[in-house]
Amino acid sequence: MPPHTVVIGVDSSTQSTKAAFVDVGTGRLLSVGRAPHVVTGEAGARESDPEVWWRALCDAVAAGLKESGVAASAVTGIAVAGQQHGLVVLGPGGRPLRPAMLWNDTRSAPQAAALTAALGGAAAWTARTGSVPVAAITASKWQWLRENEPENAAGAVAVRLPHDFLTERLTGAAVTDPGDASGTGWYSTAIGAYDPGLLELLGLGASLLPEVVQTGATRIGSLTAEAADMLGLPASIAVAAGTGDNMSAAVGLGLGGAGLLDHPVLSLGTSGTVFAASRTRSASTALSGFAATDGMYLPLACTLNCTLAVDKIAALLGLDREDAVPGGEAVLLPYLDGERAPDLPTAAGLLTGLRHDTTPQQLLGAAYEGAVVTVLRALDELLRACGLDPADPETAARPLRLIGGGARGRAWVETVRRLSGRPVIVPGSGELVALGAAALAAAAATGDDPVAIATDWGTGKEAQLPVAQRDSATWERVGSVLDRAMTPLLGGA
């Protein structure tokens, strides 16, 4: 391996772009450049201009290059990990016809329900794609576009995911990977390819879609002259196919391949997600049965309302996010943007159990508890899909890896520890998505295995926190309110 070479891992998330510069030989994080995104929309709509993502990528790379102090000539590879599911519709010249519909845009919930019924129900979808349509997945958004903006659907010459769009800007190649493709709703994890029957159902021509390559570490080419000029990088550097953000985080943690399997991860970001690497396709209709980027599987559950929702509650109360204390009798389900797990796309926030002596700090604590119970209940379903009994003492003793921005917050970490009663591990690096992308870039440049690269780098190096006594009373109180909220959907009175 050449000495003193550098790769760039790009994390293009909902709110911002981060570009991590990593020394290939040592795994040392040299710098992280950052640039913000703009998200617009109301009444369920969440959209961003893909051109903003591209400008943010260029700005983040420029900032990271300057901060790192390395010569541009030392950079040998780049890979993009992007927010999943977003619908990018391109017209002539590869320019967006409209703003991208983001993963947390819930307008397509009716289309998701109709698509589920059209194929014969949830089990039929799980058997083919691994996942049941919800408002988040790209297929639901494409169907919404066909029904509400038929001129844009008809005028599309290409349909991309966010990371596909950026990778194509880098190389000119229309390429995706199995991991991110498995979140579209038209890629079959059963056959490892686009599903012709689903494309027909969606009225979507295969020619509009990018080619699916073997893994996100596949070298798909080099920078175009235009991209190299805009980024200030050598045109010869390797560009990997890249992947979705959750798949990239798994690489950064050393999950999959010869690495860790069935070790649950809880990611606390704009959304809350739980996932694990597995050799087995998930058959659960309650999970997203994604593919990993390395040929394995990544069963995952996602909640819409996590750090952003709790921060909103803190702002309404005029509190700092760390001012929370346990909620007492108050229960607050912070479903400010609907919810995905459970599937409640039109839900609003729910507050109950107020008393005269309830304090603002308790209300904020109740918001944390509502968000954490929601994602931990999804974790139980994930464990079952991996063949584990959540109530089994051996399973309960399995460490929970806590990542994402929330993993840096005391209130988030302590609420997870208190409500889970599990060993909690916090990896030392806070940029696992970008570092996973950097490992994909290094693999594209060297031909080595990306999970092995990340493991050698120690990007998932971790510290285990003491086990806390489980707060069963709060768990049962919040769970009871959530169950009652779900009763109408389950056919109850």
Protein backbone atom coordinates (compact mmCIF):
# COMPACT_ATOMS: atom_id res chain seq x y z
CA MET A 1 0.00 0.00 0.00
CA PRO A 2 1.54 3.37 -0.95
CA PRO A 3 2.59 5.43 2.10
CA HIS A 4 0.91 8.67 3.07
CA THR A 5 -2.06 8.31 0.77
CA VAL A 6 -5.42 9.79 1.69
CA VAL A 7 -9.03 8.91 0.87
CA ILE A 8 -12.22 10.92 1.27
CA GLY A 9 -15.43 9.52 2.71
CA VAL A 10 -18.49 11.71 2.08
CA ASP A 11 -21.58 11.59 4.32
CA SER A 12 -24.40 13.42 2.52
CA SER A 13 -27.15 13.39 5.13
CA THR A 14 -30.51 15.11 5.49
CA GLN A 15 -29.11 18.24 7.11
CA SER A 16 -25.51 18.51 5.88
CA THR A 17 -22.53 17.07 4.03
CA LYS A 18 -19.39 15.90 5.83
CA ALA A 19 -16.17 14.98 4.03
CA ALA A 20 -13.76 12.90 6.12
CA PHE A 21 -10.08 12.84 5.06
CA VAL A 22 -8.45 9.61 6.26
CA ASP A 23 -4.85 8.40 6.09
CA VAL A 24 -5.09 5.05 4.28
CA GLY A 25 -2.12 3.48 6.03
CA THR A 26 -3.05 4.35 9.62
CA GLY A 27 -6.77 5.12 9.56
CA ARG A 28 -6.07 8.46 11.23
CA LEU A 29 -8.86 10.99 10.71
CA LEU A 30 -7.04 14.04 9.38
CA SER A 31 -9.98 16.41 9.05
CA VAL A 32 -13.71 16.68 8.45
CA GLY A 33 -15.05 19.38 6.13
CA ARG A 34 -18.69 20.38 6.59
CA ALA A 35 -21.37 22.24 4.63
CA PRO A 36 -25.10 22.63 5.37
CA HIS A 37 -28.15 21.58 3.35
CA VAL A 38 -31.52 23.28 3.08
CA VAL A 39 -34.71 21.27 3.73
CA THR A 40 -38.08 22.83 2.88
CA GLY A 41 -41.71 21.77 3.07
CA GLU A 42 -44.70 21.62 5.37
CA ALA A 43 -47.77 19.42 5.89
CA GLY A 44 -45.73 16.27 5.42
CA ALA A 45 -43.53 17.55 2.57
CA ARG A 46 -39.75 17.42 2.98
CA GLU A 47 -37.67 18.41 -0.04
CA SER A 48 -34.16 19.54 -0.97
CA ASP A 49 -32.59 20.78 -4.19
CA PRO A 50 -30.04 18.13 -5.28
CA GLU A 51 -27.85 20.90 -6.66
CA VAL A 52 -27.42 22.08 -3.06
CA TRP A 53 -26.05 18.63 -2.19
CA TRP A 54 -23.48 18.90 -4.97
CA ARG A 55 -22.39 22.39 -3.94
CA ALA A 56 -22.21 21.22 -0.32
CA LEU A 57 -20.04 18.26 -1.34
CA CYS A 58 -17.63 20.59 -3.15
CA ASP A 59 -17.55 23.00 -0.20
CA ALA A 60 -17.04 20.21 2.36
CA VAL A 61 -14.18 18.69 0.35
CA ALA A 62 -12.52 22.10 -0.02
CA ALA A 63 -12.84 22.76 3.72
CA GLY A 64 -11.52 19.31 4.64
CA LEU A 65 -8.60 19.57 2.24
CA LYS A 66 -7.59 22.92 3.69
CA GLU A 67 -7.92 21.73 7.29
CA SER A 68 -6.03 18.47 6.68
CA GLY A 69 -3.00 20.22 5.27
CA VAL A 70 -2.38 17.40 2.80
CA ALA A 71 -1.60 17.94 -0.85
CA ALA A 72 -4.43 17.21 -3.26
CA SER A 73 -2.07 14.87 -5.07
CA ALA A 74 -2.08 12.57 -1.99
CA VAL A 75 -5.80 11.79 -2.43
CA THR A 76 -6.33 8.40 -4.08
CA GLY A 77 -10.03 7.68 -3.65
CA ILE A 78 -13.49 9.03 -2.78
CA ALA A 79 -16.87 7.46 -2.00
CA VAL A 80 -20.28 8.90 -1.17
CA ALA A 81 -22.69 7.57 1.44
CA GLY A 82 -26.07 9.27 1.19
CA GLN A 83 -29.38 9.54 2.97
CA GLN A 84 -31.56 6.68 1.79
CA HIS A 85 -34.79 6.59 -0.22
CA GLY A 86 -34.86 10.14 -1.60
CA LEU A 87 -36.40 10.47 -5.06
CA VAL A 88 -34.24 12.44 -7.52
CA VAL A 89 -35.86 12.93 -10.92
CA LEU A 90 -33.57 14.18 -13.66
CA GLY A 91 -34.29 15.72 -17.03
CA PRO A 92 -32.04 16.41 -20.03
CA GLY A 93 -28.44 17.14 -19.13
CA GLY A 94 -28.78 15.39 -15.76
CA ARG A 95 -30.44 18.40 -14.15
CA PRO A 96 -33.20 17.91 -11.54
CA LEU A 97 -36.73 18.46 -12.81
CA ARG A 98 -37.91 19.30 -9.28
CA PRO A 99 -36.60 19.23 -5.71
CA ALA A 100 -35.85 15.77 -4.36
CA MET A 101 -38.50 14.19 -2.15
CA LEU A 102 -36.65 13.11 1.00
CA TRP A 103 -36.98 9.92 3.03
CA ASN A 104 -39.02 11.71 5.73
CA ASP A 105 -41.56 13.15 3.26
CA THR A 106 -44.82 11.47 4.33
CA ARG A 107 -47.12 12.67 1.54
CA SER A 108 -46.87 9.31 -0.21
CA ALA A 109 -48.42 7.28 2.63
CA PRO A 110 -51.64 6.63 0.61
CA GLN A 111 -49.58 5.44 -2.35
CA ALA A 112 -47.62 3.11 -0.04
CA ALA A 113 -50.85 1.53 1.20
CA ALA A 114 -52.18 1.16 -2.35
CA LEU A 115 -48.96 -0.45 -3.57
CA THR A 116 -49.01 -2.91 -0.69
CA ALA A 117 -52.54 -3.97 -1.59
CA ALA A 118 -51.79 -4.13 -5.32
CA LEU A 119 -49.18 -6.85 -4.81
CA GLY A 120 -51.33 -8.87 -2.43
CA GLY A 121 -50.22 -7.59 0.96
CA ALA A 122 -47.20 -7.10 3.17
CA ALA A 123 -45.91 -10.69 2.99
CA ALA A 124 -45.77 -10.58 -0.81
CA TRP A 125 -43.60 -7.45 -0.73
CA THR A 126 -41.30 -8.87 1.95
CA ALA A 127 -40.80 -12.04 -0.08
CA ARG A 128 -39.62 -10.02 -3.09
CA THR A 129 -37.97 -6.85 -1.81
CA GLY A 130 -37.44 -7.59 1.88
CA SER A 131 -39.55 -4.57 2.85
CA VAL A 132 -43.18 -3.44 2.91
CA PRO A 133 -43.96 -0.08 1.25
CA VAL A 134 -44.16 2.87 3.62
CA ALA A 135 -44.15 6.57 2.83
CA ALA A 136 -40.36 6.65 3.15
CA ILE A 137 -39.41 4.28 0.34
CA THR A 138 -38.66 5.58 -3.11
CA ALA A 139 -41.34 3.53 -4.87
CA SER A 140 -44.09 5.24 -2.87
CA LYS A 141 -42.68 8.64 -3.76
CA TRP A 142 -42.43 7.74 -7.44
CA GLN A 143 -46.09 6.66 -7.37
CA TRP A 144 -47.01 9.95 -5.67
CA LEU A 145 -45.19 11.82 -8.43
CA ARG A 146 -47.02 9.87 -11.15
CA GLU A 147 -50.38 10.75 -9.59
CA ASN A 148 -49.72 14.34 -8.55
CA GLU A 149 -47.10 15.62 -11.04
CA PRO A 150 -47.55 13.43 -14.13
CA GLU A 151 -45.65 15.91 -16.29
CA ASN A 152 -42.51 15.47 -14.18
CA ALA A 153 -42.84 11.69 -14.13
CA ALA A 154 -43.32 11.63 -17.91
CA GLY A 155 -40.42 14.05 -18.47
CA ALA A 156 -37.91 12.05 -16.42
CA VAL A 157 -34.91 10.73 -18.32
CA ALA A 158 -33.30 9.33 -15.16
CA VAL A 159 -34.36 8.39 -11.63
CA ARG A 160 -31.72 8.38 -8.91
CA LEU A 161 -31.18 8.06 -5.17
CA PRO A 162 -29.28 10.91 -3.45
CA HIS A 163 -25.97 9.07 -3.33
CA ASP A 164 -26.40 7.89 -6.95
CA PHE A 165 -26.91 11.50 -8.06
CA LEU A 166 -23.69 12.64 -6.39
CA THR A 167 -21.65 9.68 -7.58
CA GLU A 168 -22.81 10.35 -11.14
CA ARG A 169 -21.72 13.97 -10.79
CA LEU A 170 -18.29 12.72 -9.75
CA THR A 171 -17.78 10.18 -12.53
CA GLY A 172 -20.47 10.52 -15.16
CA ALA A 173 -21.39 6.87 -14.46
CA ALA A 174 -24.99 5.93 -13.63
CA VAL A 175 -24.28 3.37 -10.91
CA THR A 176 -25.65 2.27 -7.55
CA ASP A 177 -24.97 -0.55 -5.08
CA PRO A 178 -27.17 -3.34 -3.66
CA GLY A 179 -27.40 -1.68 -0.24
CA ASP A 180 -28.94 1.63 -1.26
CA ALA A 181 -30.88 0.01 -4.12
CA SER A 182 -32.60 -2.29 -1.60
CA GLY A 183 -34.36 0.74 -0.12
CA THR A 184 -36.09 1.74 -3.34
CA GLY A 185 -38.98 -0.76 -3.35
CA TRP A 186 -38.18 -1.87 -6.90
CA TYR A 187 -34.99 -3.83 -6.18
CA SER A 188 -35.45 -7.46 -5.15
CA THR A 189 -33.17 -8.77 -2.43
CA ALA A 190 -34.46 -12.25 -3.36
CA ILE A 191 -32.91 -12.17 -6.85
CA GLY A 192 -30.29 -9.43 -6.34
CA ALA A 193 -31.60 -7.25 -9.18
CA TYR A 194 -34.36 -4.88 -10.16
CA ASP A 195 -37.72 -6.70 -10.11
CA PRO A 196 -39.32 -6.51 -13.60
CA GLY A 197 -42.81 -7.11 -12.18
CA LEU A 198 -42.48 -4.25 -9.72
CA LEU A 199 -41.12 -1.92 -12.36
CA GLU A 200 -44.18 -2.71 -14.46
CA LEU A 201 -46.47 -2.08 -11.47
CA LEU A 202 -44.79 1.30 -10.98
CA GLY A 203 -44.72 2.25 -14.66
CA LEU A 204 -40.97 2.74 -14.32
CA GLY A 205 -38.65 1.85 -17.18
CA ALA A 206 -35.46 0.03 -16.23
CA SER A 207 -33.55 2.32 -18.60
CA LEU A 208 -34.23 5.23 -16.20
CA LEU A 209 -32.34 3.51 -13.38
CA PRO A 210 -28.63 3.23 -12.58
CA GLU A 211 -26.74 -0.02 -13.01
CA VAL A 212 -26.37 -2.06 -9.81
CA VAL A 213 -22.75 -3.11 -9.30
CA GLN A 214 -21.54 -5.85 -6.98
CA THR A 215 -20.64 -3.79 -3.88
CA GLY A 216 -20.33 -0.20 -2.77
CA ALA A 217 -16.56 -0.64 -2.82
CA THR A 218 -16.54 -1.38 -6.56
CA ARG A 219 -14.36 1.09 -8.45
CA ILE A 220 -16.66 2.58 -11.08
CA GLY A 221 -14.21 5.03 -12.60
CA SER A 222 -12.38 8.27 -11.93
CA LEU A 223 -13.40 11.91 -11.64
CA THR A 224 -14.59 13.72 -14.72
CA ALA A 225 -12.48 16.70 -15.73
CA GLU A 226 -15.27 19.03 -14.56
CA ALA A 227 -15.62 17.34 -11.16
CA ALA A 228 -11.85 17.28 -10.65
CA ASP A 229 -11.68 20.99 -11.37
CA MET A 230 -14.55 21.84 -9.02
CA LEU A 231 -13.12 19.69 -6.21
CA GLY A 232 -9.50 20.61 -6.71
CA LEU A 233 -8.53 16.94 -6.83
CA PRO A 234 -6.63 14.74 -9.31
CA ALA A 235 -8.87 13.37 -12.05
CA SER A 236 -7.17 9.97 -11.67
CA ILE A 237 -8.46 9.15 -8.18
CA ALA A 238 -10.64 6.06 -7.71
CA VAL A 239 -14.36 6.61 -7.22
CA ALA A 240 -16.30 3.86 -5.44
CA ALA A 241 -19.93 3.05 -6.12
CA GLY A 242 -20.79 4.19 -2.58
CA THR A 243 -23.91 3.26 -0.65
CA GLY A 244 -26.64 4.40 1.74
CA ASP A 245 -25.83 5.99 5.07
CA ASN A 246 -26.88 3.04 7.25
CA MET A 247 -24.91 0.59 5.11
CA SER A 248 -21.86 2.83 5.34
CA ALA A 249 -22.16 3.08 9.13
CA ALA A 250 -22.16 -0.73 9.26
CA VAL A 251 -18.88 -0.78 7.34
CA GLY A 252 -17.43 1.83 9.68
CA LEU A 253 -18.38 -0.35 12.66
CA GLY A 254 -16.77 -3.43 11.14
CA LEU A 255 -20.11 -5.22 10.69
CA GLY A 256 -20.48 -7.89 8.01
CA GLY A 257 -18.11 -10.12 6.09
CA ALA A 258 -15.59 -11.55 8.51
CA GLY A 259 -16.57 -8.87 11.05
CA LEU A 260 -19.31 -8.71 13.67
CA LEU A 261 -22.72 -10.28 12.98
CA ASP A 262 -26.05 -9.85 14.75
CA HIS A 263 -24.59 -7.12 16.98
CA PRO A 264 -27.39 -4.54 17.23
CA VAL A 265 -26.71 -0.90 16.48
CA LEU A 266 -28.88 2.05 17.51
CA SER A 267 -28.28 5.21 15.51
CA LEU A 268 -29.61 8.46 16.99
CA GLY A 269 -29.83 11.09 14.27
CA THR A 270 -32.63 13.03 12.60
CA SER A 271 -34.20 9.58 12.56
CA GLY A 272 -33.65 6.74 15.01
CA THR A 273 -32.61 3.47 13.41
CA VAL A 274 -31.71 0.02 14.68
CA PHE A 275 -29.88 -2.48 12.48
CA ALA A 276 -27.56 -5.47 12.47
CA ALA A 277 -25.49 -7.32 9.88
CA SER A 278 -26.81 -10.78 9.08
CA ARG A 279 -26.20 -13.61 6.63
CA THR A 280 -29.96 -14.29 6.55
CA ARG A 281 -32.63 -12.40 4.65
CA SER A 282 -35.25 -10.98 7.02
CA ALA A 283 -38.78 -12.37 6.67
CA SER A 284 -40.31 -9.84 9.07
CA THR A 285 -42.95 -7.52 7.62
CA ALA A 286 -42.19 -5.10 10.47
CA LEU A 287 -38.63 -4.43 9.29
CA SER A 288 -36.86 -3.08 6.25
CA GLY A 289 -34.96 -6.12 4.98
CA PHE A 290 -32.15 -4.20 3.30
CA ALA A 291 -29.11 -5.63 1.62
CA ALA A 292 -25.73 -4.64 3.01
CA THR A 293 -23.20 -3.13 0.64
CA ASP A 294 -20.96 -6.23 0.82
CA GLY A 295 -23.36 -8.98 -0.27
CA MET A 296 -24.84 -9.64 3.18
CA TYR A 297 -28.06 -8.31 4.70
CA LEU A 298 -28.87 -5.37 6.97
CA PRO A 299 -32.31 -5.79 8.62
CA LEU A 300 -33.31 -2.36 9.88
CA ALA A 301 -36.14 -0.48 11.56
CA CYS A 302 -36.41 3.30 11.36
CA THR A 303 -38.33 5.84 13.41
CA LEU A 304 -38.89 9.29 11.94
CA ASN A 305 -38.78 11.23 15.20
CA CYS A 306 -35.51 11.26 17.06
CA THR A 307 -33.02 14.05 17.79
CA LEU A 308 -34.74 16.69 15.66
CA ALA A 309 -38.12 16.08 17.31
CA VAL A 310 -36.74 16.14 20.85
CA ASP A 311 -34.74 19.30 20.08
CA LYS A 312 -38.01 20.88 18.91
CA ILE A 313 -39.64 20.05 22.25
CA ALA A 314 -36.63 21.56 24.05
CA ALA A 315 -36.96 24.74 21.98
CA LEU A 316 -40.71 25.01 22.71
CA LEU A 317 -39.95 24.72 26.42
CA GLY A 318 -37.04 27.17 26.26
CA LEU A 319 -34.63 24.53 27.56
CA ASP A 320 -31.23 23.22 26.56
CA ARG A 321 -31.36 19.66 25.22
CA GLU A 322 -29.40 18.46 28.26
CA ASP A 323 -31.85 19.94 30.79
CA ALA A 324 -34.01 16.79 30.79
CA VAL A 325 -34.90 14.75 33.87
CA PRO A 326 -37.07 11.58 33.99
CA GLY A 327 -40.64 12.36 32.95
CA GLY A 328 -42.46 11.13 36.03
CA GLU A 329 -46.10 10.45 35.18
CA ALA A 330 -45.95 12.45 31.95
CA VAL A 331 -45.79 10.56 28.64
CA LEU A 332 -44.90 12.40 25.44
CA LEU A 333 -44.79 10.63 22.09
CA PRO A 334 -42.88 13.16 19.94
CA TYR A 335 -44.33 12.04 16.59
CA LEU A 336 -44.06 15.51 15.13
CA ASP A 337 -43.64 14.29 11.53
CA GLY A 338 -45.85 11.22 11.65
CA GLU A 339 -44.06 7.95 12.42
CA ARG A 340 -42.59 5.04 10.52
CA ALA A 341 -42.06 2.36 13.16
CA PRO A 342 -44.88 2.02 14.12
CA ASP A 343 -46.32 2.99 10.75
CA LEU A 344 -48.32 6.11 11.66
CA PRO A 345 -47.55 8.53 8.80
CA THR A 346 -50.28 11.03 9.75
CA ALA A 347 -49.69 10.95 13.52
CA ALA A 348 -49.02 14.07 15.57
CA GLY A 349 -47.33 14.42 18.95
CA LEU A 350 -49.22 13.05 21.94
CA LEU A 351 -48.92 14.29 25.55
CA THR A 352 -50.69 12.74 28.52
CA GLY A 353 -50.23 12.32 32.29
CA LEU A 354 -49.76 16.00 33.16
CA ARG A 355 -49.95 17.05 36.83
CA HIS A 356 -49.73 20.43 38.61
CA ASP A 357 -46.22 19.56 39.70
CA THR A 358 -45.00 18.44 36.25
CA THR A 359 -41.95 20.52 35.36
CA PRO A 360 -40.66 21.63 31.94
CA GLN A 361 -37.58 19.50 32.53
CA GLN A 362 -39.82 16.44 33.06
CA LEU A 363 -41.71 17.18 29.84
CA LEU A 364 -38.41 17.25 27.97
CA GLY A 365 -37.40 14.02 29.67
CA ALA A 366 -40.73 12.50 28.64
CA ALA A 367 -39.96 13.40 25.00
CA TYR A 368 -36.65 11.55 25.25
CA GLU A 369 -38.44 8.58 26.81
CA GLY A 370 -41.13 8.49 24.11
CA ALA A 371 -38.53 8.51 21.35
CA VAL A 372 -36.31 5.91 23.03
CA VAL A 373 -39.13 3.48 23.88
CA THR A 374 -40.27 3.69 20.25
CA VAL A 375 -36.87 2.79 18.86
CA LEU A 376 -36.19 0.12 21.52
CA ARG A 377 -39.46 -1.61 20.69
CA ALA A 378 -38.26 -1.66 17.09
CA LEU A 379 -35.02 -3.18 18.38
CA ASP A 380 -36.96 -6.09 19.88
CA GLU A 381 -38.43 -6.83 16.45
CA LEU A 382 -34.96 -6.65 14.91
CA LEU A 383 -33.61 -9.16 17.41
CA ARG A 384 -36.47 -11.56 16.65
CA ALA A 385 -35.68 -11.27 12.93
CA CYS A 386 -32.09 -12.30 13.74
CA GLY A 387 -33.41 -15.39 15.55
CA LEU A 388 -32.91 -13.96 19.05
CA ASP A 389 -35.43 -13.71 21.89
CA PRO A 390 -35.33 -10.16 23.35
CA ALA A 391 -36.39 -11.52 26.75
CA ASP A 392 -33.64 -14.12 26.90
CA PRO A 393 -30.96 -13.10 29.44
CA GLU A 394 -28.17 -13.95 27.02
CA THR A 395 -29.73 -11.73 24.34
CA ALA A 396 -30.36 -8.95 26.87
CA ALA A 397 -26.67 -9.06 27.79
CA ARG A 398 -25.62 -8.49 24.16
CA PRO A 399 -24.12 -4.97 23.91
CA LEU A 400 -26.03 -2.26 22.06
CA ARG A 401 -23.80 -0.04 19.94
CA LEU A 402 -24.92 3.58 20.11
CA ILE A 403 -23.96 5.88 17.21
CA GLY A 404 -25.09 9.12 15.57
CA GLY A 405 -25.24 12.66 16.87
CA GLY A 406 -27.38 11.65 19.85
CA ALA A 407 -24.66 9.30 21.05
CA ARG A 408 -22.67 12.44 21.93
CA GLY A 409 -25.46 13.74 24.19
CA ARG A 410 -25.65 12.83 27.88
CA ALA A 411 -29.46 12.84 28.00
CA TRP A 412 -29.77 10.50 25.01
CA VAL A 413 -27.17 8.05 26.29
CA GLU A 414 -28.57 7.95 29.81
CA THR A 415 -32.16 7.51 28.60
CA VAL A 416 -31.12 4.58 26.40
CA ARG A 417 -29.18 2.99 29.26
CA ARG A 418 -32.06 3.45 31.73
CA LEU A 419 -34.82 2.17 29.45
CA SER A 420 -32.90 -0.68 27.83
CA GLY A 421 -31.06 -2.06 30.85
CA ARG A 422 -28.50 -3.35 28.34
CA PRO A 423 -24.75 -2.92 28.09
CA VAL A 424 -24.23 0.19 25.94
CA ILE A 425 -21.15 0.70 23.80
CA VAL A 426 -20.27 4.10 22.35
CA PRO A 427 -17.66 3.96 19.54
CA GLY A 428 -14.94 6.54 19.87
CA SER A 429 -15.56 8.06 16.45
CA GLY A 430 -18.60 10.22 15.82
CA GLU A 431 -18.28 10.11 12.02
CA LEU A 432 -18.96 6.44 11.27
CA VAL A 433 -20.94 7.05 8.07
CA ALA A 434 -18.14 9.17 6.60
CA LEU A 435 -15.48 6.74 7.85
CA GLY A 436 -17.36 3.80 6.35
CA ALA A 437 -17.44 5.69 3.05
CA ALA A 438 -13.70 6.32 3.40
CA ALA A 439 -13.17 2.56 3.80
CA LEU A 440 -15.17 2.00 0.61
CA ALA A 441 -12.97 4.58 -1.14
CA ALA A 442 -9.82 2.88 0.13
CA ALA A 443 -11.13 -0.50 -1.06
CA ALA A 444 -11.83 0.95 -4.51
CA ALA A 445 -8.27 2.30 -4.64
CA THR A 446 -6.51 -0.79 -3.29
CA GLY A 447 -8.76 -3.77 -4.01
CA ASP A 448 -8.87 -4.74 -0.31
CA ASP A 449 -12.01 -5.61 1.67
CA PRO A 450 -13.68 -2.46 3.08
CA VAL A 451 -14.85 -4.08 6.35
CA ALA A 452 -11.33 -5.41 6.96
CA ILE A 453 -9.93 -1.95 6.21
CA ALA A 454 -12.29 -0.29 8.71
CA THR A 455 -11.50 -2.96 11.30
CA ASP A 456 -7.75 -2.39 10.85
CA TRP A 457 -8.30 1.35 11.16
CA GLY A 458 -10.20 0.83 14.41
CA THR A 459 -13.03 3.16 13.35
CA GLY A 460 -15.45 1.19 15.53
CA LYS A 461 -13.16 1.28 18.58
CA GLU A 462 -15.48 1.42 21.52
CA ALA A 463 -15.96 2.07 25.22
CA GLN A 464 -18.55 0.07 27.17
CA LEU A 465 -20.62 1.91 29.77
CA PRO A 466 -21.77 0.29 33.02
CA VAL A 467 -25.14 -1.47 32.82
CA ALA A 468 -27.97 0.58 34.34
CA GLN A 469 -30.94 -0.85 36.21
CA ARG A 470 -33.82 -1.02 33.74
CA ASP A 471 -36.61 1.49 34.40
CA SER A 472 -39.47 -0.97 33.83
CA ALA A 473 -42.13 1.40 35.21
CA THR A 474 -41.40 4.06 32.57
CA TRP A 475 -41.10 1.41 29.85
CA GLU A 476 -44.54 0.02 30.68
CA ARG A 477 -46.15 3.45 31.07
CA VAL A 478 -44.90 4.74 27.70
CA GLY A 479 -45.59 1.40 26.02
CA SER A 480 -49.18 1.38 27.30
CA VAL A 481 -49.84 4.82 25.80
CA LEU A 482 -48.27 3.75 22.52
CA ASP A 483 -50.37 0.59 22.42
CA ARG A 484 -53.54 2.61 22.99
CA ALA A 485 -52.53 4.99 20.20
CA MET A 486 -52.18 1.96 17.92
CA THR A 487 -55.51 0.35 18.91
CA PRO A 488 -57.65 1.85 16.09
CA LEU A 489 -55.14 0.53 13.53
CA LEU A 490 -55.26 -2.92 15.11
CA GLY A 491 -59.04 -3.10 14.92
CA GLY A 492 -59.74 -2.36 18.58
CA ALA A 493 -62.60 -0.34 19.94
